[in-house]
Structure formats: structure tokens, C-alpha cells
Amino acid sequence: MNKKFTLKLFLFCAVLFGTFNVQSQVLPWLFEFQATPTLISGTNNAVNSVYRISNVKSGTDAIITIVSATGGAKVNILDDNAISKPEAFSPNIKLKKNSTGYIDFKIDFVVAGTFTPMPQDSLYATGIDIDGNSNLHELDGIDLGGGVSSYWVATP
């Protein structure tokens, strides 16, 4: 191979690759529910209670409403960061043995410090700790609203 060509190719590549700025970025769909929930209205952990979790994403707060509870299910801790992933929304729900019930939550994303809706382009959600067995039946339901997507995962 020609030495001049090799040198020119090397210089071209050095200039080409040396002119790009590499920037790291936070993935836009990642949320962090690490702040302590603040009760806005209602009775602590009761149906129709409304909470704010601040700064779940830069410039964005989450408004969480306990919409309903069935079968004797009760919210013990709205967001239990002590025994779960602190960045996740992790409600601790109590239910009587051998009964069936659930809690329905609504999460609205708003401009930080306001109640102005903040639409989100993407949101990834997953159910955690749904490892039931033949005696313990656990399930998580995630409805992203607007007919966009709905998933139900059940463990036998």
C-alpha cells in the first residue's frame, strides 16, 4: 500500500472522528420515584388521596391518586423505597390471607411544582415481585391509557 495514501487516510480518519462531540444523555423515559411522596389531599393511604412525588424526571413531578381499592386491599406504604428499588414506584399493599383484591392508582405527570399536564413521549413500565406460586397468586396490571397499550401478567 502506498505510504502517502495510508498517511492521508489516517489523517482523514483522525480529523473526521476528532470532530464529533460525544454526549451522554439521560434516557427520556427513565423516571426516578425517590423523593418522599407529599400528601396533597385526602386521608393518608386512603382511596381518593392525592400525592405529589417531586422531580421524577427533570422538570417533571408525578401526581399519584389512589383511585380504588377492592377486596379489602389497603395501601400500607404509598412508595416503599426501603425494600424495593428506590427509583421505582413501589406501593406496599396489604391484603387479607386467602382473599382477592387490588388497588388502582392513577399517575399524572405534571410540570414541576404545578398541576399543568406534562405529556410524556415514552414510558417503560414493568411488574416486579410477581413470583406467586400455587398458593399465592400475584398479578400486576399496567394500563398506559388512551388505548396505547395494555398488558396483564399473571403468575399461576
C-alpha atoms as a PDB file:
ATOM      1  CA  MET A   1       0.000   0.000   0.000  1.00  0.00           C
ATOM      2  CA  ASN A   2       1.228   3.492  -0.824  1.00  0.00           C
ATOM      3  CA  LYS A   3       2.678   5.338   2.223  1.00  0.00           C
ATOM      4  CA  LYS A   4       1.163   8.683   1.110  1.00  0.00           C
ATOM      5  CA  PHE A   5      -2.280   7.112   0.743  1.00  0.00           C
ATOM      6  CA  THR A   6      -2.006   5.437   4.163  1.00  0.00           C
ATOM      7  CA  LEU A   7      -0.949   8.714   5.817  1.00  0.00           C
ATOM      8  CA  LYS A   8      -3.768  10.654   4.102  1.00  0.00           C
ATOM      9  CA  LEU A   9      -6.315   8.015   5.127  1.00  0.00           C
ATOM     10  CA  PHE A  10      -5.058   8.120   8.713  1.00  0.00           C
ATOM     11  CA  LEU A  11      -5.214  11.940   8.817  1.00  0.00           C
ATOM     12  CA  PHE A  12      -8.677  11.941   7.239  1.00  0.00           C
ATOM     13  CA  CYS A  13      -9.949   9.467   9.838  1.00  0.00           C
ATOM     14  CA  ALA A  14      -8.305  11.398  12.693  1.00  0.00           C
ATOM     15  CA  VAL A  15      -9.916  14.656  11.566  1.00  0.00           C
ATOM     16  CA  LEU A  16     -13.265  13.003  10.853  1.00  0.00           C
ATOM     17  CA  PHE A  17     -13.517  11.205  14.184  1.00  0.00           C
ATOM     18  CA  GLY A  18     -11.928  14.049  16.123  1.00  0.00           C
ATOM     19  CA  THR A  19     -14.677  16.480  15.124  1.00  0.00           C
ATOM     20  CA  PHE A  20     -17.608  14.630  16.690  1.00  0.00           C
ATOM     21  CA  ASN A  21     -18.738  15.556  20.178  1.00  0.00           C
ATOM     22  CA  VAL A  22     -19.822  12.618  22.234  1.00  0.00           C
ATOM     23  CA  GLN A  23     -22.550  13.482  24.691  1.00  0.00           C
ATOM     24  CA  SER A  24     -24.075  11.278  27.296  1.00  0.00           C
ATOM     25  CA  GLN A  25     -27.749  11.715  27.856  1.00  0.00           C
ATOM     26  CA  VAL A  26     -30.352  10.575  30.304  1.00  0.00           C
ATOM     27  CA  LEU A  27     -32.846   8.342  28.595  1.00  0.00           C
ATOM     28  CA  PRO A  28     -36.069  10.364  28.323  1.00  0.00           C
ATOM     29  CA  TRP A  29     -38.338   7.569  29.527  1.00  0.00           C
ATOM     30  CA  LEU A  30     -36.479   6.905  32.782  1.00  0.00           C
ATOM     31  CA  PHE A  31     -38.234   8.115  35.899  1.00  0.00           C
ATOM     32  CA  GLU A  32     -36.962   8.186  39.484  1.00  0.00           C
ATOM     33  CA  PHE A  33     -39.579   7.953  42.229  1.00  0.00           C
ATOM     34  CA  GLN A  34     -37.016   8.507  45.007  1.00  0.00           C
ATOM     35  CA  ALA A  35     -38.474  11.633  46.642  1.00  0.00           C
ATOM     36  CA  THR A  36     -40.821  11.190  49.585  1.00  0.00           C
ATOM     37  CA  PRO A  37     -44.476  11.450  48.499  1.00  0.00           C
ATOM     38  CA  THR A  38     -46.270  14.551  49.790  1.00  0.00           C
ATOM     39  CA  LEU A  39     -49.973  14.228  50.608  1.00  0.00           C
ATOM     40  CA  ILE A  40     -51.854  16.923  48.658  1.00  0.00           C
ATOM     41  CA  SER A  41     -55.411  15.983  49.594  1.00  0.00           C
ATOM     42  CA  GLY A  42     -57.366  13.223  51.278  1.00  0.00           C
ATOM     43  CA  THR A  43     -56.531  10.895  54.128  1.00  0.00           C
ATOM     44  CA  ASN A  44     -53.152   9.183  54.219  1.00  0.00           C
ATOM     45  CA  ASN A  45     -53.178   5.943  52.155  1.00  0.00           C
ATOM     46  CA  ALA A  46     -56.961   6.046  51.609  1.00  0.00           C
ATOM     47  CA  VAL A  47     -58.976   5.910  48.383  1.00  0.00           C
ATOM     48  CA  ASN A  48     -59.156   9.347  46.682  1.00  0.00           C
ATOM     49  CA  SER A  49     -55.936  10.515  48.362  1.00  0.00           C
ATOM     50  CA  VAL A  50     -53.660  12.508  46.068  1.00  0.00           C
ATOM     51  CA  TYR A  51     -49.870  12.714  46.411  1.00  0.00           C
ATOM     52  CA  ARG A  52     -47.019  14.516  44.667  1.00  0.00           C
ATOM     53  CA  ILE A  53     -43.641  12.910  44.098  1.00  0.00           C
ATOM     54  CA  SER A  54     -41.288  15.680  43.054  1.00  0.00           C
ATOM     55  CA  ASN A  55     -38.643  15.578  40.361  1.00  0.00           C
ATOM     56  CA  VAL A  56     -39.345  12.121  38.960  1.00  0.00           C
ATOM     57  CA  LYS A  57     -37.614  13.471  35.882  1.00  0.00           C
ATOM     58  CA  SER A  58     -36.008  16.858  35.267  1.00  0.00           C
ATOM     59  CA  GLY A  59     -38.798  19.443  35.408  1.00  0.00           C
ATOM     60  CA  THR A  60     -41.467  16.789  35.985  1.00  0.00           C
ATOM     61  CA  ASP A  61     -43.443  15.749  39.062  1.00  0.00           C
ATOM     62  CA  ALA A  62     -45.804  12.779  39.416  1.00  0.00           C
ATOM     63  CA  ILE A  63     -49.283  13.260  40.856  1.00  0.00           C
ATOM     64  CA  ILE A  64     -50.478   9.904  42.198  1.00  0.00           C
ATOM     65  CA  THR A  65     -54.112   9.262  43.056  1.00  0.00           C
ATOM     66  CA  ILE A  66     -55.365   6.171  44.874  1.00  0.00           C
ATOM     67  CA  VAL A  67     -58.411   5.600  42.656  1.00  0.00           C
ATOM     68  CA  SER A  68     -59.959   2.499  44.181  1.00  0.00           C
ATOM     69  CA  ALA A  69     -59.408  -0.491  46.423  1.00  0.00           C
ATOM     70  CA  THR A  70     -61.250  -3.810  46.238  1.00  0.00           C
ATOM     71  CA  GLY A  71     -61.465  -6.980  48.297  1.00  0.00           C
ATOM     72  CA  GLY A  72     -60.128  -5.386  51.464  1.00  0.00           C
ATOM     73  CA  ALA A  73     -56.827  -4.344  49.875  1.00  0.00           C
ATOM     74  CA  LYS A  74     -55.189  -1.403  51.653  1.00  0.00           C
ATOM     75  CA  VAL A  75     -52.206   0.782  50.871  1.00  0.00           C
ATOM     76  CA  ASN A  76     -49.720   0.256  53.678  1.00  0.00           C
ATOM     77  CA  ILE A  77     -46.970   2.487  52.228  1.00  0.00           C
ATOM     78  CA  LEU A  78     -47.553   4.512  49.047  1.00  0.00           C
ATOM     79  CA  ASP A  79     -43.948   4.238  47.809  1.00  0.00           C
ATOM     80  CA  ASP A  80     -41.753   1.875  49.816  1.00  0.00           C
ATOM     81  CA  ASN A  81     -38.154   2.717  48.928  1.00  0.00           C
ATOM     82  CA  ALA A  82     -36.764   0.664  51.834  1.00  0.00           C
ATOM     83  CA  ILE A  83     -37.469  -2.823  50.459  1.00  0.00           C
ATOM     84  CA  SER A  84     -37.624  -2.211  46.723  1.00  0.00           C
ATOM     85  CA  LYS A  85     -35.781  -0.312  44.035  1.00  0.00           C
ATOM     86  CA  PRO A  86     -35.820   3.309  45.240  1.00  0.00           C
ATOM     87  CA  GLU A  87     -36.150   4.628  41.682  1.00  0.00           C
ATOM     88  CA  ALA A  88     -39.327   2.617  41.079  1.00  0.00           C
ATOM     89  CA  PHE A  89     -42.870   3.403  42.168  1.00  0.00           C
ATOM     90  CA  SER A  90     -43.246   0.642  44.755  1.00  0.00           C
ATOM     91  CA  PRO A  91     -46.511   0.637  46.682  1.00  0.00           C
ATOM     92  CA  ASN A  92     -46.721  -1.717  49.647  1.00  0.00           C
ATOM     93  CA  ILE A  93     -50.221  -3.217  49.660  1.00  0.00           C
ATOM     94  CA  LYS A  94     -51.761  -5.332  52.406  1.00  0.00           C
ATOM     95  CA  LEU A  95     -54.443  -7.920  51.727  1.00  0.00           C
ATOM     96  CA  LYS A  96     -56.105 -10.467  53.988  1.00  0.00           C
ATOM     97  CA  LYS A  97     -54.967 -14.056  53.570  1.00  0.00           C
ATOM     98  CA  ASN A  98     -56.936 -16.123  51.021  1.00  0.00           C
ATOM     99  CA  SER A  99     -58.689 -13.096  49.573  1.00  0.00           C
ATOM    100  CA  THR A 100     -58.639 -11.319  46.240  1.00  0.00           C
ATOM    101  CA  GLY A 101     -58.316  -7.585  45.889  1.00  0.00           C
ATOM    102  CA  TYR A 102     -56.355  -4.835  44.262  1.00  0.00           C
ATOM    103  CA  ILE A 103     -55.509  -1.130  44.387  1.00  0.00           C
ATOM    104  CA  ASP A 104     -55.968   1.077  41.330  1.00  0.00           C
ATOM    105  CA  PHE A 105     -53.522   4.003  41.066  1.00  0.00           C
ATOM    106  CA  LYS A 106     -53.561   6.872  38.582  1.00  0.00           C
ATOM    107  CA  ILE A 107     -50.278   8.652  37.810  1.00  0.00           C
ATOM    108  CA  ASP A 108     -50.320  12.041  36.085  1.00  0.00           C
ATOM    109  CA  PHE A 109     -47.085  13.708  35.024  1.00  0.00           C
ATOM    110  CA  VAL A 110     -47.074  17.480  35.515  1.00  0.00           C
ATOM    111  CA  VAL A 111     -44.694  20.406  35.160  1.00  0.00           C
ATOM    112  CA  ALA A 112     -42.669  20.515  38.395  1.00  0.00           C
ATOM    113  CA  GLY A 113     -44.380  22.459  41.166  1.00  0.00           C
ATOM    114  CA  THR A 114     -47.640  22.871  39.207  1.00  0.00           C
ATOM    115  CA  PHE A 115     -50.648  20.868  38.082  1.00  0.00           C
ATOM    116  CA  THR A 116     -50.020  21.627  34.396  1.00  0.00           C
ATOM    117  CA  PRO A 117     -50.011  18.329  32.458  1.00  0.00           C
ATOM    118  CA  MET A 118     -46.619  17.280  31.082  1.00  0.00           C
ATOM    119  CA  PRO A 119     -47.181  14.763  28.262  1.00  0.00           C
ATOM    120  CA  GLN A 120     -44.553  12.026  28.055  1.00  0.00           C
ATOM    121  CA  ASP A 121     -43.266  10.656  24.762  1.00  0.00           C
ATOM    122  CA  SER A 122     -42.257   7.310  26.231  1.00  0.00           C
ATOM    123  CA  LEU A 123     -42.824   5.363  29.393  1.00  0.00           C
ATOM    124  CA  TYR A 124     -41.480   1.937  30.222  1.00  0.00           C
ATOM    125  CA  ALA A 125     -43.265   0.001  32.945  1.00  0.00           C
ATOM    126  CA  THR A 126     -42.784  -3.444  34.394  1.00  0.00           C
ATOM    127  CA  GLY A 127     -44.221  -5.516  37.195  1.00  0.00           C
ATOM    128  CA  ILE A 128     -41.811  -6.572  39.923  1.00  0.00           C
ATOM    129  CA  ASP A 129     -42.224  -9.255  42.593  1.00  0.00           C
ATOM    130  CA  ILE A 130     -44.978 -11.205  40.917  1.00  0.00           C
ATOM    131  CA  ASP A 131     -43.442 -14.544  41.782  1.00  0.00           C
ATOM    132  CA  GLY A 132     -46.512 -16.228  43.203  1.00  0.00           C
ATOM    133  CA  ASN A 133     -46.954 -19.972  43.440  1.00  0.00           C
ATOM    134  CA  SER A 134     -49.900 -22.391  43.543  1.00  0.00           C
ATOM    135  CA  ASN A 135     -50.929 -20.991  46.945  1.00  0.00           C
ATOM    136  CA  LEU A 136     -50.005 -17.345  46.427  1.00  0.00           C
ATOM    137  CA  HIS A 137     -51.472 -15.686  43.364  1.00  0.00           C
ATOM    138  CA  GLU A 138     -49.910 -12.333  42.485  1.00  0.00           C
ATOM    139  CA  LEU A 139     -50.559 -10.203  39.451  1.00  0.00           C
ATOM    140  CA  ASP A 140     -49.704  -6.755  38.186  1.00  0.00           C
ATOM    141  CA  GLY A 141     -51.701  -4.807  35.635  1.00  0.00           C
ATOM    142  CA  ILE A 142     -50.311  -1.878  33.700  1.00  0.00           C
ATOM    143  CA  ASP A 143     -52.585   0.257  31.538  1.00  0.00           C
ATOM    144  CA  LEU A 144     -50.815   3.090  29.745  1.00  0.00           C
ATOM    145  CA  GLY A 145     -54.127   4.743  28.861  1.00  0.00           C
ATOM    146  CA  GLY A 146     -55.525   6.147  25.666  1.00  0.00           C
ATOM    147  CA  GLY A 147     -55.648   2.723  24.075  1.00  0.00           C
ATOM    148  CA  VAL A 148     -51.894   2.923  23.590  1.00  0.00           C
ATOM    149  CA  SER A 149     -51.019  -0.313  25.286  1.00  0.00           C
ATOM    150  CA  SER A 150     -52.287  -2.642  27.987  1.00  0.00           C
ATOM    151  CA  TYR A 151     -50.521  -5.637  29.470  1.00  0.00           C
ATOM    152  CA  TRP A 152     -51.683  -8.106  32.106  1.00  0.00           C
ATOM    153  CA  VAL A 153     -49.256 -10.563  33.608  1.00  0.00           C
ATOM    154  CA  ALA A 154     -50.437 -13.271  35.983  1.00  0.00           C
ATOM    155  CA  THR A 155     -48.498 -15.869  37.894  1.00  0.00           C
ATOM    156  CA  PRO A 156     -50.283 -19.192  38.485  1.00  0.00           C
END
